Amino acid sequence: MYEKRAYDLIRDFAPVSLMASTPFILVINPSVPASSLKELMAFARAKPSQLKYGSGGSGSPPHLSAEIFKSMTGSEILHVPYKGVTPALNDTVAGHVQMTFSVIPACIALVKAGKVKALGVTSAKRTQLIPDLPTIAETVPGYEFIGWYGLMAPARTPNAIIARMSSEVVKVLKTPEFQERLSGLGAEAIGTNAPELGTFMRLQVDKMRKAVKDSGARPDA
């Protein structure tokens, strides 16, 4: 989204390990006549541009996850940017917007209280954080959007050091104590070697570049 940056994510860093991912969930106001993703898509097609979704701001993960969803489903849903996901969720509860994508810790209490309905999780597979919630990909094949956390080192760090760091990080990520701490933050442990994170990063950069271009997101929008 930013044309001028002081660094390049691929060029200036050496990947170490993809540590964890954060799935998002799509929640809607209970007044929307849909109890499944398929019904929401049918409603959006029947009433183009009448649904509005809130996001944490232009170019934020909730914004781009919704734009990819719109692109893959051909849905016409209007974007309403907020300064953070909390006000977007508050207005979803109030019915000023009808839906939003949110990290799980921010909205799970609202889901349990019946103030919003959860329709799908954005990860490719069902998340252990809410195992009964279907993925969006089960209705929209190929859909995936996650937040992710990678450990990086300065570019040109010796390979032996990278390999040692990666190995030690993976050991920690496999411990139940660390996985429990991550779960409390709405994240799931992964743990990869350096080349796997490098490949993942390049794919994510390409995917997000397209999403930003298609959405027209700008830093000051």
Protein backbone atom coordinates (compact mmCIF):
# COMPACT_ATOMS: atom_id res chain seq x y z
CA MET A 1 0.00 0.00 0.00
CA TYR A 2 2.92 2.34 0.69
CA GLU A 3 4.83 3.35 -2.45
CA LYS A 4 7.90 4.58 -0.56
CA ARG A 5 9.36 2.56 2.31
CA ALA A 6 12.71 2.60 4.06
CA TYR A 7 13.00 -1.17 3.77
CA ASP A 8 12.04 -4.08 1.56
CA LEU A 9 10.53 -7.06 3.37
CA ILE A 10 12.06 -9.62 1.02
CA ARG A 11 15.42 -7.99 0.29
CA ASP A 12 16.40 -6.62 3.69
CA PHE A 13 15.54 -9.52 5.99
CA ALA A 14 16.50 -13.16 6.32
CA PRO A 15 13.54 -15.40 7.21
CA VAL A 16 13.93 -17.62 10.27
CA SER A 17 10.58 -19.22 11.08
CA LEU A 18 6.86 -18.70 10.52
CA MET A 19 5.89 -18.73 14.17
CA ALA A 20 2.10 -18.39 14.33
CA SER A 21 -1.03 -17.36 12.49
CA THR A 22 -4.13 -15.45 13.50
CA PRO A 23 -7.41 -16.35 11.82
CA PHE A 24 -10.24 -13.87 11.48
CA ILE A 25 -13.96 -14.58 11.63
CA LEU A 26 -16.79 -13.02 9.68
CA VAL A 27 -19.53 -11.76 11.98
CA ILE A 28 -22.86 -10.18 11.06
CA ASN A 29 -25.60 -8.30 12.84
CA PRO A 30 -28.41 -10.69 13.90
CA SER A 31 -30.92 -8.68 11.88
CA VAL A 32 -29.32 -9.84 8.62
CA PRO A 33 -31.49 -12.70 7.32
CA ALA A 34 -28.67 -15.21 6.97
CA SER A 35 -27.61 -18.10 9.16
CA SER A 36 -24.88 -19.35 6.84
CA LEU A 37 -22.32 -17.96 4.44
CA LYS A 38 -24.30 -19.27 1.48
CA GLU A 39 -27.39 -17.39 2.65
CA LEU A 40 -25.35 -14.21 3.20
CA MET A 41 -23.97 -14.41 -0.34
CA ALA A 42 -27.48 -14.92 -1.74
CA PHE A 43 -28.75 -11.92 0.23
CA ALA A 44 -25.85 -9.76 -1.01
CA ARG A 45 -26.58 -10.72 -4.62
CA ALA A 46 -30.28 -9.98 -4.20
CA LYS A 47 -29.60 -6.56 -2.64
CA PRO A 48 -26.37 -5.24 -4.17
CA SER A 49 -24.65 -2.43 -2.26
CA GLN A 50 -27.21 -2.53 0.55
CA LEU A 51 -24.91 -4.40 2.90
CA LYS A 52 -22.09 -2.45 4.58
CA TYR A 53 -19.05 -3.85 6.32
CA GLY A 54 -16.85 -2.14 8.87
CA SER A 55 -13.08 -2.49 9.02
CA GLY A 56 -10.18 -1.31 11.13
CA GLY A 57 -9.19 1.17 8.40
CA SER A 58 -8.15 1.24 4.77
CA GLY A 59 -5.56 -1.45 4.07
CA SER A 60 -6.07 -3.16 7.43
CA PRO A 61 -6.42 -6.96 7.59
CA PRO A 62 -10.24 -6.78 8.12
CA HIS A 63 -10.47 -4.52 5.06
CA LEU A 64 -8.36 -6.69 2.76
CA SER A 65 -9.97 -9.93 3.96
CA ALA A 66 -13.37 -8.48 3.05
CA GLU A 67 -12.16 -7.21 -0.32
CA ILE A 68 -10.78 -10.63 -1.24
CA PHE A 69 -14.12 -12.13 -0.16
CA LYS A 70 -15.98 -9.63 -2.36
CA SER A 71 -13.71 -10.34 -5.32
CA MET A 72 -14.07 -14.11 -5.04
CA THR A 73 -17.85 -14.07 -4.57
CA GLY A 74 -18.79 -11.16 -6.82
CA SER A 75 -20.57 -9.49 -3.91
CA GLU A 76 -21.28 -5.74 -3.85
CA ILE A 77 -20.78 -4.75 -0.21
CA LEU A 78 -19.87 -1.20 0.80
CA HIS A 79 -16.76 -0.51 2.89
CA VAL A 80 -16.98 1.70 5.98
CA PRO A 81 -13.49 2.28 7.48
CA TYR A 82 -13.04 2.90 11.20
CA LYS A 83 -10.02 3.73 13.34
CA GLY A 84 -9.68 0.22 14.70
CA VAL A 85 -11.73 -2.96 14.75
CA THR A 86 -13.44 -2.19 18.09
CA PRO A 87 -15.56 0.70 16.77
CA ALA A 88 -16.32 -1.38 13.68
CA LEU A 89 -17.58 -4.18 15.91
CA ASN A 90 -19.59 -1.73 18.03
CA ASP A 91 -21.37 -0.42 14.95
CA THR A 92 -21.95 -3.98 13.72
CA VAL A 93 -23.70 -4.72 17.01
CA ALA A 94 -25.69 -1.48 16.69
CA GLY A 95 -26.65 -2.26 13.09
CA HIS A 96 -25.02 0.82 11.52
CA VAL A 97 -22.99 -1.66 9.45
CA GLN A 98 -24.08 -5.23 8.90
CA MET A 99 -20.83 -7.18 9.05
CA THR A 100 -17.12 -7.14 9.75
CA PHE A 101 -14.10 -9.41 9.85
CA SER A 102 -12.48 -9.53 13.28
CA VAL A 103 -9.76 -11.27 15.23
CA ILE A 104 -11.31 -13.85 17.53
CA PRO A 105 -10.45 -12.34 20.95
CA ALA A 106 -12.09 -9.03 20.02
CA CYS A 107 -15.47 -10.53 19.11
CA ILE A 108 -15.87 -13.95 20.74
CA ALA A 109 -17.72 -12.51 23.77
CA LEU A 110 -20.15 -10.76 21.41
CA VAL A 111 -20.71 -14.03 19.54
CA LYS A 112 -21.39 -15.95 22.75
CA ALA A 113 -23.78 -13.22 23.93
CA GLY A 114 -25.73 -13.40 20.67
CA LYS A 115 -24.98 -9.79 19.77
CA VAL A 116 -23.41 -10.87 16.47
CA LYS A 117 -23.54 -14.09 14.45
CA ALA A 118 -20.33 -15.82 13.37
CA LEU A 119 -20.56 -17.29 9.87
CA GLY A 120 -17.06 -18.42 9.00
CA VAL A 121 -13.36 -18.41 9.79
CA THR A 122 -10.85 -17.06 7.28
CA SER A 123 -8.14 -19.72 7.65
CA ALA A 124 -7.91 -22.53 5.11
CA LYS A 125 -8.67 -25.11 7.80
CA ARG A 126 -10.94 -24.92 10.81
CA THR A 127 -9.27 -23.31 13.78
CA GLN A 128 -8.80 -25.04 17.12
CA LEU A 129 -9.84 -21.74 18.71
CA ILE A 130 -13.45 -22.25 17.49
CA PRO A 131 -13.47 -25.80 16.08
CA ASP A 132 -17.21 -25.90 15.28
CA LEU A 133 -17.12 -22.79 13.09
CA PRO A 134 -16.83 -23.68 9.38
CA THR A 135 -14.23 -22.07 7.17
CA ILE A 136 -15.24 -19.59 4.49
CA ALA A 137 -13.33 -21.85 2.10
CA GLU A 138 -15.91 -24.59 2.65
CA THR A 139 -18.35 -22.35 0.77
CA VAL A 140 -15.88 -20.27 -1.28
CA PRO A 141 -13.16 -22.72 -2.40
CA GLY A 142 -9.67 -21.26 -2.25
CA TYR A 143 -10.50 -18.42 0.11
CA GLU A 144 -7.91 -17.83 2.84
CA PHE A 145 -6.79 -14.80 4.80
CA ILE A 146 -4.71 -14.92 7.97
CA GLY A 147 -2.60 -12.64 10.06
CA TRP A 148 0.85 -14.12 10.58
CA TYR A 149 3.94 -13.71 12.71
CA GLY A 150 7.39 -14.47 11.37
CA LEU A 151 10.77 -14.25 13.04
CA MET A 152 13.30 -12.40 10.89
CA ALA A 153 17.03 -11.67 11.07
CA PRO A 154 19.08 -9.06 9.23
CA ALA A 155 19.88 -9.88 5.63
CA ARG A 156 23.15 -11.75 5.10
CA THR A 157 23.00 -13.42 8.53
CA PRO A 158 25.06 -16.64 8.18
CA ASN A 159 23.00 -19.69 7.24
CA ALA A 160 24.31 -21.69 10.20
CA ILE A 161 22.97 -19.09 12.63
CA ILE A 162 19.61 -18.96 10.82
CA ALA A 163 19.30 -22.74 10.94
CA ARG A 164 20.12 -22.85 14.68
CA MET A 165 17.64 -20.09 15.48
CA SER A 166 14.92 -21.77 13.43
CA SER A 167 15.48 -25.11 15.15
CA GLU A 168 15.32 -23.60 18.64
CA VAL A 169 12.21 -21.55 17.86
CA VAL A 170 10.37 -24.61 16.57
CA LYS A 171 11.20 -26.48 19.78
CA VAL A 172 9.65 -23.70 21.88
CA LEU A 173 6.57 -23.46 19.65
CA LYS A 174 5.87 -27.15 20.23
CA THR A 175 5.64 -26.80 24.00
CA PRO A 176 2.11 -26.87 25.45
CA GLU A 177 2.87 -23.84 27.62
CA PHE A 178 3.74 -21.62 24.68
CA GLN A 179 0.85 -22.90 22.57
CA GLU A 180 -1.53 -22.10 25.42
CA ARG A 181 -0.19 -18.55 25.66
CA LEU A 182 -0.61 -18.06 21.92
CA SER A 183 -4.14 -19.45 22.04
CA GLY A 184 -5.06 -16.86 24.65
CA LEU A 185 -4.00 -14.19 22.15
CA GLY A 186 -6.11 -15.70 19.37
CA ALA A 187 -3.15 -17.23 17.55
CA GLU A 188 -2.08 -20.74 16.61
CA ALA A 189 1.51 -21.99 16.68
CA ILE A 190 3.08 -23.12 13.40
CA GLY A 191 6.90 -23.31 13.37
CA THR A 192 8.64 -23.69 10.01
CA ASN A 193 12.17 -23.68 8.71
CA ALA A 194 13.65 -20.61 7.04
CA PRO A 195 13.04 -21.56 3.38
CA GLU A 196 9.38 -22.29 4.12
CA LEU A 197 8.91 -18.84 5.65
CA GLY A 198 10.69 -17.27 2.66
CA THR A 199 8.31 -18.95 0.22
CA PHE A 200 5.30 -18.03 2.36
CA MET A 201 6.37 -14.37 2.54
CA ARG A 202 6.74 -14.03 -1.23
CA LEU A 203 3.29 -15.54 -1.77
CA GLN A 204 1.76 -13.24 0.85
CA VAL A 205 3.38 -10.12 -0.60
CA ASP A 206 1.99 -10.96 -4.05
CA LYS A 207 -1.45 -11.74 -2.62
CA MET A 208 -1.64 -8.55 -0.56
CA ARG A 209 -0.34 -6.43 -3.44
CA LYS A 210 -3.21 -7.64 -5.60
CA ALA A 211 -5.75 -7.14 -2.79
CA VAL A 212 -4.56 -3.57 -2.19
CA LYS A 213 -4.67 -2.79 -5.92
CA ASP A 214 -8.14 -4.27 -6.38
CA SER A 215 -9.51 -2.46 -3.31
CA GLY A 216 -7.94 0.91 -4.12
CA ALA A 217 -6.67 1.18 -0.53
CA ARG A 218 -4.54 4.22 0.25
CA PRO A 219 -2.68 5.16 3.46
CA ASP A 220 -4.77 8.31 3.87
CA ALA A 221 -8.10 6.82 2.72
